[in-house]
């Protein structure tokens, strides 16, 4: 079972990947430094370090689906 606290929802607009809100600093509409073409390599099993431009915190994405990133550690608070 996938741990819900390790997931992070995202949106795509064109080739850009956005977060509605940064899970660390709570900044809104965060443009991530990856493109939609990078999502396929994550989906195929390649890990990807994602650094948030708003606060410089980071996660390692280990999987992705159409709506969520799966990280290697908890992101959400219970």
PDB file of N, CA and C in Angstrom:
ATOM      1  N   UNK A   1       0.838  -1.184   0.000  1.00  0.00           N
ATOM      2  CA  UNK A   1       0.000   0.000   0.000  1.00  0.00           C
ATOM      3  C   UNK A   1       0.884   1.249   0.000  1.00  0.00           C
ATOM      4  N   UNK A   2       0.515   2.220  -0.785  1.00  0.00           N
ATOM      5  CA  UNK A   2       1.284   3.459  -0.900  1.00  0.00           C
ATOM      6  C   UNK A   2       0.964   4.360   0.296  1.00  0.00           C
ATOM      7  N   UNK A   3       1.984   4.826   1.012  1.00  0.00           N
ATOM      8  CA  UNK A   3       1.726   5.718   2.152  1.00  0.00           C
ATOM      9  C   UNK A   3       1.277   7.102   1.676  1.00  0.00           C
ATOM     10  N   UNK A   4       0.098   7.518   2.114  1.00  0.00           N
ATOM     11  CA  UNK A   4      -0.479   8.790   1.675  1.00  0.00           C
ATOM     12  C   UNK A   4       0.383   9.979   2.080  1.00  0.00           C
ATOM     13  N   UNK A   5       1.049   9.900   3.225  1.00  0.00           N
ATOM     14  CA  UNK A   5       1.858  11.032   3.677  1.00  0.00           C
ATOM     15  C   UNK A   5       3.113  11.238   2.826  1.00  0.00           C
ATOM     16  N   UNK A   6       3.436  10.291   1.947  1.00  0.00           N
ATOM     17  CA  UNK A   6       4.580  10.426   1.037  1.00  0.00           C
ATOM     18  C   UNK A   6       4.173  10.939  -0.340  1.00  0.00           C
ATOM     19  N   UNK A   7       2.930  11.331  -0.513  1.00  0.00           N
ATOM     20  CA  UNK A   7       2.455  11.788  -1.818  1.00  0.00           C
ATOM     21  C   UNK A   7       2.297  13.301  -1.844  1.00  0.00           C
ATOM     22  N   UNK A   8       2.371  13.847  -3.051  1.00  0.00           N
ATOM     23  CA  UNK A   8       2.252  15.292  -3.241  1.00  0.00           C
ATOM     24  C   UNK A   8       1.505  15.539  -4.548  1.00  0.00           C
ATOM     25  N   UNK A   9       0.336  16.202  -4.499  1.00  0.00           N
ATOM     26  CA  UNK A   9      -0.415  16.448  -5.732  1.00  0.00           C
ATOM     27  C   UNK A   9       0.243  17.535  -6.576  1.00  0.00           C
ATOM     28  N   UNK A  10       0.129  17.385  -7.891  1.00  0.00           N
ATOM     29  CA  UNK A  10       0.679  18.379  -8.809  1.00  0.00           C
ATOM     30  C   UNK A  10      -0.291  18.613  -9.957  1.00  0.00           C
ATOM     31  N   UNK A  11      -0.063  19.686 -10.695  1.00  0.00           N
ATOM     32  CA  UNK A  11      -0.853  20.038 -11.874  1.00  0.00           C
ATOM     33  C   UNK A  11       0.096  20.269 -13.038  1.00  0.00           C
ATOM     34  N   UNK A  12      -0.368  19.981 -14.240  1.00  0.00           N
ATOM     35  CA  UNK A  12       0.420  20.308 -15.429  1.00  0.00           C
ATOM     36  C   UNK A  12      -0.346  21.326 -16.263  1.00  0.00           C
ATOM     37  N   UNK A  13       0.383  22.310 -16.747  1.00  0.00           N
ATOM     38  CA  UNK A  13      -0.167  23.309 -17.658  1.00  0.00           C
ATOM     39  C   UNK A  13       0.832  23.426 -18.795  1.00  0.00           C
ATOM     40  N   UNK A  14       0.445  22.947 -19.954  1.00  0.00           N
ATOM     41  CA  UNK A  14       1.382  22.886 -21.072  1.00  0.00           C
ATOM     42  C   UNK A  14       2.496  21.907 -20.737  1.00  0.00           C
ATOM     43  N   UNK A  15       3.733  22.348 -20.807  1.00  0.00           N
ATOM     44  CA  UNK A  15       4.878  21.494 -20.472  1.00  0.00           C
ATOM     45  C   UNK A  15       5.372  21.736 -19.053  1.00  0.00           C
ATOM     46  N   UNK A  16       4.703  22.636 -18.305  1.00  0.00           N
ATOM     47  CA  UNK A  16       5.140  22.998 -16.957  1.00  0.00           C
ATOM     48  C   UNK A  16       4.427  22.168 -15.901  1.00  0.00           C
ATOM     49  N   UNK A  17       5.112  21.963 -14.779  1.00  0.00           N
ATOM     50  CA  UNK A  17       4.565  21.218 -13.650  1.00  0.00           C
ATOM     51  C   UNK A  17       4.491  22.173 -12.460  1.00  0.00           C
ATOM     52  N   UNK A  18       3.295  22.299 -11.877  1.00  0.00           N
ATOM     53  CA  UNK A  18       3.045  23.220 -10.778  1.00  0.00           C
ATOM     54  C   UNK A  18       2.556  22.476  -9.545  1.00  0.00           C
ATOM     55  N   UNK A  19       2.785  23.086  -8.385  1.00  0.00           N
ATOM     56  CA  UNK A  19       2.141  22.684  -7.144  1.00  0.00           C
ATOM     57  C   UNK A  19       1.179  23.795  -6.753  1.00  0.00           C
ATOM     58  N   UNK A  20       0.026  23.434  -6.234  1.00  0.00           N
ATOM     59  CA  UNK A  20      -0.888  24.458  -5.733  1.00  0.00           C
ATOM     60  C   UNK A  20      -0.300  25.164  -4.526  1.00  0.00           C
ATOM     61  N   UNK A  21       0.408  24.384  -3.689  1.00  0.00           N
ATOM     62  CA  UNK A  21       1.008  24.952  -2.479  1.00  0.00           C
ATOM     63  C   UNK A  21       2.244  24.155  -2.108  1.00  0.00           C
ATOM     64  N   UNK A  22       3.296  24.847  -1.737  1.00  0.00           N
ATOM     65  CA  UNK A  22       4.517  24.184  -1.281  1.00  0.00           C
ATOM     66  C   UNK A  22       4.231  23.536   0.074  1.00  0.00           C
ATOM     67  N   UNK A  23       4.604  22.280   0.270  1.00  0.00           N
ATOM     68  CA  UNK A  23       4.322  21.622   1.547  1.00  0.00           C
ATOM     69  C   UNK A  23       5.205  22.123   2.690  1.00  0.00           C
ATOM     70  N   UNK A  24       6.233  22.876   2.392  1.00  0.00           N
ATOM     71  CA  UNK A  24       7.171  23.331   3.419  1.00  0.00           C
ATOM     72  C   UNK A  24       6.968  24.789   3.806  1.00  0.00           C
ATOM     73  N   UNK A  25       6.930  25.698   2.827  1.00  0.00           N
ATOM     74  CA  UNK A  25       6.815  27.127   3.150  1.00  0.00           C
ATOM     75  C   UNK A  25       5.421  27.687   2.862  1.00  0.00           C
ATOM     76  N   UNK A  26       4.544  26.872   2.309  1.00  0.00           N
ATOM     77  CA  UNK A  26       3.154  27.235   2.001  1.00  0.00           C
ATOM     78  C   UNK A  26       3.020  28.299   0.911  1.00  0.00           C
ATOM     79  N   UNK A  27       4.040  28.491   0.084  1.00  0.00           N
ATOM     80  CA  UNK A  27       3.922  29.401  -1.063  1.00  0.00           C
ATOM     81  C   UNK A  27       2.918  28.815  -2.051  1.00  0.00           C
ATOM     82  N   UNK A  28       2.189  29.675  -2.737  1.00  0.00           N
ATOM     83  CA  UNK A  28       1.164  29.185  -3.660  1.00  0.00           C
ATOM     84  C   UNK A  28       1.663  29.235  -5.103  1.00  0.00           C
ATOM     85  N   UNK A  29       1.091  28.354  -5.928  1.00  0.00           N
ATOM     86  CA  UNK A  29       1.399  28.261  -7.363  1.00  0.00           C
ATOM     87  C   UNK A  29       2.898  28.174  -7.633  1.00  0.00           C
ATOM     88  N   UNK A  30       3.511  27.109  -7.170  1.00  0.00           N
ATOM     89  CA  UNK A  30       4.953  26.916  -7.290  1.00  0.00           C
ATOM     90  C   UNK A  30       5.262  26.183  -8.597  1.00  0.00           C
ATOM     91  N   UNK A  31       6.060  26.813  -9.449  1.00  0.00           N
ATOM     92  CA  UNK A  31       6.510  26.202 -10.698  1.00  0.00           C
ATOM     93  C   UNK A  31       7.733  25.349 -10.396  1.00  0.00           C
ATOM     94  N   UNK A  32       7.624  24.044 -10.632  1.00  0.00           N
ATOM     95  CA  UNK A  32       8.729  23.135 -10.341  1.00  0.00           C
ATOM     96  C   UNK A  32       9.743  23.135 -11.481  1.00  0.00           C
ATOM     97  N   UNK A  33      11.003  22.849 -11.169  1.00  0.00           N
ATOM     98  CA  UNK A  33      12.049  22.864 -12.204  1.00  0.00           C
ATOM     99  C   UNK A  33      12.108  21.578 -13.022  1.00  0.00           C
ATOM    100  N   UNK A  34      10.958  21.003 -13.338  1.00  0.00           N
ATOM    101  CA  UNK A  34      10.883  19.837 -14.214  1.00  0.00           C
ATOM    102  C   UNK A  34       9.797  20.090 -15.251  1.00  0.00           C
ATOM    103  N   UNK A  35       9.830  19.345 -16.312  1.00  0.00           N
ATOM    104  CA  UNK A  35       8.841  19.453 -17.383  1.00  0.00           C
ATOM    105  C   UNK A  35       8.039  18.159 -17.459  1.00  0.00           C
ATOM    106  N   UNK A  36       6.947  18.190 -18.197  1.00  0.00           N
ATOM    107  CA  UNK A  36       6.107  17.002 -18.316  1.00  0.00           C
ATOM    108  C   UNK A  36       6.855  15.852 -18.981  1.00  0.00           C
ATOM    109  N   UNK A  37       7.851  16.146 -19.796  1.00  0.00           N
ATOM    110  CA  UNK A  37       8.642  15.074 -20.416  1.00  0.00           C
ATOM    111  C   UNK A  37       9.476  14.322 -19.382  1.00  0.00           C
ATOM    112  N   UNK A  38       9.823  14.973 -18.266  1.00  0.00           N
ATOM    113  CA  UNK A  38      10.578  14.320 -17.194  1.00  0.00           C
ATOM    114  C   UNK A  38       9.717  13.338 -16.397  1.00  0.00           C
ATOM    115  N   UNK A  39       8.409  13.522 -16.435  1.00  0.00           N
ATOM    116  CA  UNK A  39       7.520  12.657 -15.661  1.00  0.00           C
ATOM    117  C   UNK A  39       7.566  11.216 -16.162  1.00  0.00           C
ATOM    118  N   UNK A  40       7.756  11.023 -17.458  1.00  0.00           N
ATOM    119  CA  UNK A  40       7.810   9.668 -18.016  1.00  0.00           C
ATOM    120  C   UNK A  40       9.003   8.893 -17.473  1.00  0.00           C
ATOM    121  N   UNK A  41      10.147   9.545 -17.316  1.00  0.00           N
ATOM    122  CA  UNK A  41      11.320   8.837 -16.785  1.00  0.00           C
ATOM    123  C   UNK A  41      11.135   8.489 -15.315  1.00  0.00           C
ATOM    124  N   UNK A  42      10.445   9.345 -14.554  1.00  0.00           N
ATOM    125  CA  UNK A  42      10.150   9.023 -13.152  1.00  0.00           C
ATOM    126  C   UNK A  42       9.185   7.849 -13.100  1.00  0.00           C
ATOM    127  N   UNK A  43       8.188   7.864 -13.975  1.00  0.00           N
ATOM    128  CA  UNK A  43       7.201   6.782 -14.034  1.00  0.00           C
ATOM    129  C   UNK A  43       7.859   5.452 -14.386  1.00  0.00           C
ATOM    130  N   UNK A  44       8.922   5.496 -15.181  1.00  0.00           N
ATOM    131  CA  UNK A  44       9.644   4.282 -15.579  1.00  0.00           C
ATOM    132  C   UNK A  44      10.604   3.778 -14.514  1.00  0.00           C
ATOM    133  N   UNK A  45      10.708   4.469 -13.374  1.00  0.00           N
ATOM    134  CA  UNK A  45      11.520   3.978 -12.271  1.00  0.00           C
ATOM    135  C   UNK A  45      12.766   4.774 -11.961  1.00  0.00           C
ATOM    136  N   UNK A  46      12.995   5.841 -12.680  1.00  0.00           N
ATOM    137  CA  UNK A  46      14.171   6.669 -12.421  1.00  0.00           C
ATOM    138  C   UNK A  46      13.854   7.675 -11.317  1.00  0.00           C
ATOM    139  N   UNK A  47      14.682   7.731 -10.281  1.00  0.00           N
ATOM    140  CA  UNK A  47      14.477   8.688  -9.197  1.00  0.00           C
ATOM    141  C   UNK A  47      14.859  10.082  -9.672  1.00  0.00           C
ATOM    142  N   UNK A  48      14.189  11.092  -9.114  1.00  0.00           N
ATOM    143  CA  UNK A  48      14.457  12.470  -9.531  1.00  0.00           C
ATOM    144  C   UNK A  48      14.436  13.380  -8.308  1.00  0.00           C
ATOM    145  N   UNK A  49      15.517  14.114  -8.098  1.00  0.00           N
ATOM    146  CA  UNK A  49      15.583  15.112  -7.035  1.00  0.00           C
ATOM    147  C   UNK A  49      14.862  16.361  -7.518  1.00  0.00           C
ATOM    148  N   UNK A  50      13.899  16.823  -6.726  1.00  0.00           N
ATOM    149  CA  UNK A  50      13.144  18.024  -7.062  1.00  0.00           C
ATOM    150  C   UNK A  50      13.406  19.055  -5.975  1.00  0.00           C
ATOM    151  N   UNK A  51      13.978  20.186  -6.364  1.00  0.00           N
ATOM    152  CA  UNK A  51      14.256  21.284  -5.439  1.00  0.00           C
ATOM    153  C   UNK A  51      13.187  22.346  -5.647  1.00  0.00           C
ATOM    154  N   UNK A  52      12.513  22.711  -4.560  1.00  0.00           N
ATOM    155  CA  UNK A  52      11.465  23.722  -4.644  1.00  0.00           C
ATOM    156  C   UNK A  52      12.110  25.103  -4.753  1.00  0.00           C
ATOM    157  N   UNK A  53      11.765  25.884  -5.777  1.00  0.00           N
ATOM    158  CA  UNK A  53      12.411  27.187  -5.961  1.00  0.00           C
ATOM    159  C   UNK A  53      12.015  28.224  -4.912  1.00  0.00           C
ATOM    160  N   UNK A  54      10.921  28.010  -4.213  1.00  0.00           N
ATOM    161  CA  UNK A  54      10.442  28.993  -3.244  1.00  0.00           C
ATOM    162  C   UNK A  54      11.240  28.964  -1.941  1.00  0.00           C
ATOM    163  N   UNK A  55      11.597  27.780  -1.465  1.00  0.00           N
ATOM    164  CA  UNK A  55      12.258  27.671  -0.163  1.00  0.00           C
ATOM    165  C   UNK A  55      13.526  26.827  -0.197  1.00  0.00           C
ATOM    166  N   UNK A  56      13.877  26.286  -1.359  1.00  0.00           N
ATOM    167  CA  UNK A  56      15.074  25.461  -1.566  1.00  0.00           C
ATOM    168  C   UNK A  56      15.042  24.137  -0.809  1.00  0.00           C
ATOM    169  N   UNK A  57      13.874  23.739  -0.320  1.00  0.00           N
ATOM    170  CA  UNK A  57      13.748  22.403   0.260  1.00  0.00           C
ATOM    171  C   UNK A  57      13.645  21.416  -0.888  1.00  0.00           C
ATOM    172  N   UNK A  58      13.784  20.130  -0.600  1.00  0.00           N
ATOM    173  CA  UNK A  58      13.826  19.163  -1.696  1.00  0.00           C
ATOM    174  C   UNK A  58      13.167  17.847  -1.312  1.00  0.00           C
ATOM    175  N   UNK A  59      12.735  17.132  -2.352  1.00  0.00           N
ATOM    176  CA  UNK A  59      12.234  15.771  -2.209  1.00  0.00           C
ATOM    177  C   UNK A  59      12.867  14.929  -3.310  1.00  0.00           C
ATOM    178  N   UNK A  60      12.862  13.627  -3.106  1.00  0.00           N
ATOM    179  CA  UNK A  60      13.258  12.700  -4.156  1.00  0.00           C
ATOM    180  C   UNK A  60      12.003  11.976  -4.609  1.00  0.00           C
ATOM    181  N   UNK A  61      11.606  12.219  -5.849  1.00  0.00           N
ATOM    182  CA  UNK A  61      10.428  11.562  -6.413  1.00  0.00           C
ATOM    183  C   UNK A  61      10.835  10.172  -6.887  1.00  0.00           C
ATOM    184  N   UNK A  62      10.158   9.148  -6.367  1.00  0.00           N
ATOM    185  CA  UNK A  62      10.482   7.778  -6.749  1.00  0.00           C
ATOM    186  C   UNK A  62       9.444   7.184  -7.693  1.00  0.00           C
ATOM    187  N   UNK A  63       8.278   7.828  -7.782  1.00  0.00           N
ATOM    188  CA  UNK A  63       7.241   7.391  -8.714  1.00  0.00           C
ATOM    189  C   UNK A  63       6.292   8.558  -8.938  1.00  0.00           C
ATOM    190  N   UNK A  64       5.519   8.468  -9.993  1.00  0.00           N
ATOM    191  CA  UNK A  64       4.570   9.517 -10.328  1.00  0.00           C
ATOM    192  C   UNK A  64       3.401   8.880 -11.069  1.00  0.00           C
ATOM    193  N   UNK A  65       2.216   9.433 -10.853  1.00  0.00           N
ATOM    194  CA  UNK A  65       1.077   9.048 -11.680  1.00  0.00           C
ATOM    195  C   UNK A  65       0.506  10.324 -12.294  1.00  0.00           C
ATOM    196  N   UNK A  66      -0.726  10.305 -12.731  1.00  0.00           N
ATOM    197  CA  UNK A  66      -1.286  11.483 -13.407  1.00  0.00           C
ATOM    198  C   UNK A  66      -1.521  12.659 -12.472  1.00  0.00           C
ATOM    199  N   UNK A  67      -1.601  12.405 -11.161  1.00  0.00           N
ATOM    200  CA  UNK A  67      -1.961  13.459 -10.218  1.00  0.00           C
ATOM    201  C   UNK A  67      -0.982  13.669  -9.069  1.00  0.00           C
ATOM    202  N   UNK A  68      -0.171  12.666  -8.745  1.00  0.00           N
ATOM    203  CA  UNK A  68       0.635  12.716  -7.526  1.00  0.00           C
ATOM    204  C   UNK A  68       2.078  12.293  -7.762  1.00  0.00           C
ATOM    205  N   UNK A  69       2.992  12.947  -7.022  1.00  0.00           N
ATOM    206  CA  UNK A  69       4.355  12.464  -6.877  1.00  0.00           C
ATOM    207  C   UNK A  69       4.381  11.538  -5.675  1.00  0.00           C
ATOM    208  N   UNK A  70       5.206  10.496  -5.725  1.00  0.00           N
ATOM    209  CA  UNK A  70       5.475   9.651  -4.571  1.00  0.00           C
ATOM    210  C   UNK A  70       6.915   9.908  -4.169  1.00  0.00           C
ATOM    211  N   UNK A  71       7.115  10.352  -2.933  1.00  0.00           N
ATOM    212  CA  UNK A  71       8.448  10.694  -2.442  1.00  0.00           C
ATOM    213  C   UNK A  71       9.005   9.567  -1.585  1.00  0.00           C
ATOM    214  N   UNK A  72      10.294   9.645  -1.312  1.00  0.00           N
ATOM    215  CA  UNK A  72      10.962   8.625  -0.514  1.00  0.00           C
ATOM    216  C   UNK A  72      10.802   8.849   0.986  1.00  0.00           C
ATOM    217  N   UNK A  73      10.193   9.959   1.381  1.00  0.00           N
ATOM    218  CA  UNK A  73       9.991  10.257   2.805  1.00  0.00           C
ATOM    219  C   UNK A  73       8.657  10.991   2.969  1.00  0.00           C
ATOM    220  N   UNK A  74       8.133  11.049   4.183  1.00  0.00           N
ATOM    221  CA  UNK A  74       6.853  11.741   4.392  1.00  0.00           C
ATOM    222  C   UNK A  74       6.943  13.234   4.070  1.00  0.00           C
ATOM    223  N   UNK A  75       5.917  13.724   3.405  1.00  0.00           N
ATOM    224  CA  UNK A  75       5.828  15.138   3.050  1.00  0.00           C
ATOM    225  C   UNK A  75       4.676  15.794   3.798  1.00  0.00           C
ATOM    226  N   UNK A  76       3.559  15.106   3.836  1.00  0.00           N
ATOM    227  CA  UNK A  76       2.353  15.657   4.464  1.00  0.00           C
ATOM    228  C   UNK A  76       2.366  15.403   5.964  1.00  0.00           C
ATOM    229  N   UNK A  77       1.716  16.316   6.661  1.00  0.00           N
ATOM    230  CA  UNK A  77       1.529  16.130   8.104  1.00  0.00           C
ATOM    231  C   UNK A  77       0.195  15.450   8.331  1.00  0.00           C
ATOM    232  N   UNK A  78       0.140  14.637   9.350  1.00  0.00           N
ATOM    233  CA  UNK A  78      -1.121  13.943   9.654  1.00  0.00           C
ATOM    234  C   UNK A  78      -2.073  14.815  10.402  1.00  0.00           C
TER     235      UNK A  78
END
